[in-house]
Amino acid sequence: MEHKLRHLYSLQLVDNSLDELEEMKGSLPRQVRELETQRNDLSAAIAATEGAMRGAFAARDGADSEIIGLREKLTKYKAQQYEVRNNKEYDALTREMDHAQVSIVRLEK
């Protein structure tokens, strides 16, 4: 019987120690969970921003390529203006040049 009481007493001591530890922990687990949630939210926001940046860079590169192509066409059209045979061809080239210039301005913005 005494042996059982000693075990019960030591078990009570362990239980008291666990209660003290639990009390010392306080609100730390909740704070840790909140911080982890916050970190995950920020990581998701960073990933979304990086994706948007990659998309913007790709769009900018595409616009740059298109601007280069339009400037080449503009140079070609200017050279062709001196070789036209009638007003209709001249007007068509002028319209193409105006359209290319408007497109370049739009893409640069």
Protein backbone atom coordinates (compact mmCIF):
# COMPACT_ATOMS: atom_id res chain seq x y z
CA MET A 1 0.00 0.00 0.00
CA GLU A 2 2.80 2.36 0.88
CA HIS A 3 4.40 1.63 -2.49
CA LYS A 4 1.23 2.67 -4.29
CA LEU A 5 1.03 5.87 -2.26
CA ARG A 6 4.61 6.75 -3.16
CA HIS A 7 3.82 6.25 -6.86
CA LEU A 8 0.67 8.31 -6.52
CA TYR A 9 2.65 11.07 -4.79
CA SER A 10 5.34 11.10 -7.51
CA LEU A 11 2.60 11.09 -10.15
CA GLN A 12 1.03 14.11 -8.41
CA LEU A 13 4.40 15.88 -8.45
CA VAL A 14 4.76 15.26 -12.17
CA ASP A 15 1.21 16.48 -12.74
CA ASN A 16 1.93 19.64 -10.74
CA SER A 17 5.09 20.24 -12.79
CA LEU A 18 3.10 19.84 -15.99
CA ASP A 19 0.50 22.33 -14.74
CA GLU A 20 3.26 24.83 -13.95
CA LEU A 21 4.78 24.40 -17.40
CA GLU A 22 1.38 24.84 -19.03
CA GLU A 23 0.84 28.00 -17.01
CA MET A 24 4.28 29.33 -17.94
CA LYS A 25 3.55 28.71 -21.61
CA GLY A 26 0.68 31.15 -21.39
CA SER A 27 -0.46 32.52 -24.76
CA LEU A 28 2.73 31.65 -26.62
CA PRO A 29 1.20 28.85 -28.75
CA ARG A 30 -1.59 31.18 -29.89
CA GLN A 31 0.93 33.92 -30.72
CA VAL A 32 3.06 31.43 -32.64
CA ARG A 33 0.04 30.31 -34.69
CA GLU A 34 -0.88 33.93 -35.43
CA LEU A 35 2.67 34.73 -36.53
CA GLU A 36 2.80 31.64 -38.75
CA THR A 37 -0.50 32.65 -40.35
CA GLN A 38 0.83 36.15 -40.88
CA ARG A 39 4.03 34.76 -42.42
CA ASN A 40 2.04 32.54 -44.78
CA ASP A 41 -0.14 35.48 -45.84
CA LEU A 42 2.93 37.61 -46.51
CA SER A 43 4.57 34.79 -48.46
CA ALA A 44 1.46 34.48 -50.62
CA ALA A 45 1.42 38.26 -51.19
CA ILE A 46 5.11 38.18 -52.17
CA ALA A 47 4.49 35.34 -54.61
CA ALA A 48 1.55 37.20 -56.17
CA THR A 49 3.60 40.39 -56.49
CA GLU A 50 6.50 38.51 -58.07
CA GLY A 51 4.10 36.91 -60.55
CA ALA A 52 2.67 40.30 -61.43
CA MET A 53 6.18 41.68 -61.87
CA ARG A 54 7.13 38.82 -64.19
CA GLY A 55 4.00 39.47 -66.22
CA ALA A 56 4.76 43.19 -66.40
CA PHE A 57 8.34 42.53 -67.48
CA ALA A 58 7.15 40.14 -70.17
CA ALA A 59 4.62 42.72 -71.40
CA ARG A 60 7.32 45.40 -71.42
CA ASP A 61 9.67 43.15 -73.40
CA GLY A 62 6.89 42.41 -75.88
CA ALA A 63 6.14 46.10 -76.25
CA ASP A 64 9.84 46.86 -76.77
CA SER A 65 10.03 44.25 -79.52
CA GLU A 66 6.91 45.64 -81.16
CA ILE A 67 8.31 49.19 -80.98
CA ILE A 68 11.52 48.05 -82.70
CA GLY A 69 9.49 46.38 -85.44
CA LEU A 70 7.31 49.45 -85.92
CA ARG A 71 10.35 51.74 -86.16
CA GLU A 72 11.83 49.47 -88.81
CA LYS A 73 8.56 49.60 -90.75
CA LEU A 74 8.49 53.38 -90.37
CA THR A 75 11.97 53.64 -91.87
CA LYS A 76 10.93 51.35 -94.72
CA TYR A 77 7.77 53.39 -95.37
CA LYS A 78 9.75 56.64 -95.46
CA ALA A 79 12.08 55.14 -98.08
CA GLN A 80 9.09 53.89 -100.10
CA GLN A 81 7.44 57.33 -100.08
CA TYR A 82 9.99 58.56 -102.61
CA GLU A 83 9.26 55.65 -104.93
CA VAL A 84 5.45 55.95 -105.18
CA ARG A 85 3.79 56.26 -108.60
CA ASN A 86 0.51 57.92 -107.62
CA ASN A 87 -1.29 59.78 -104.84
CA LYS A 88 -3.15 56.68 -103.71
CA GLU A 89 0.06 54.86 -102.86
CA TYR A 90 1.44 57.96 -101.16
CA ASP A 91 -1.71 58.33 -99.02
CA ALA A 92 -1.63 54.65 -98.08
CA LEU A 93 2.01 54.91 -96.97
CA THR A 94 1.25 58.09 -95.03
CA ARG A 95 -1.62 56.35 -93.22
CA GLU A 96 0.61 53.39 -92.39
CA MET A 97 3.30 55.74 -91.06
CA ASP A 98 0.75 57.63 -88.92
CA HIS A 99 -0.62 54.36 -87.57
CA ALA A 100 2.91 53.15 -86.73
CA GLN A 101 3.73 56.42 -84.95
CA VAL A 102 0.51 56.27 -82.90
CA SER A 103 1.25 52.67 -81.98
CA ILE A 104 4.79 53.56 -80.91
CA VAL A 105 3.54 56.38 -78.68
CA ARG A 106 0.90 54.09 -77.15
CA LEU A 107 3.41 51.31 -76.49
CA GLU A 108 5.97 53.67 -74.98
CA LYS A 109 3.41 54.85 -72.43
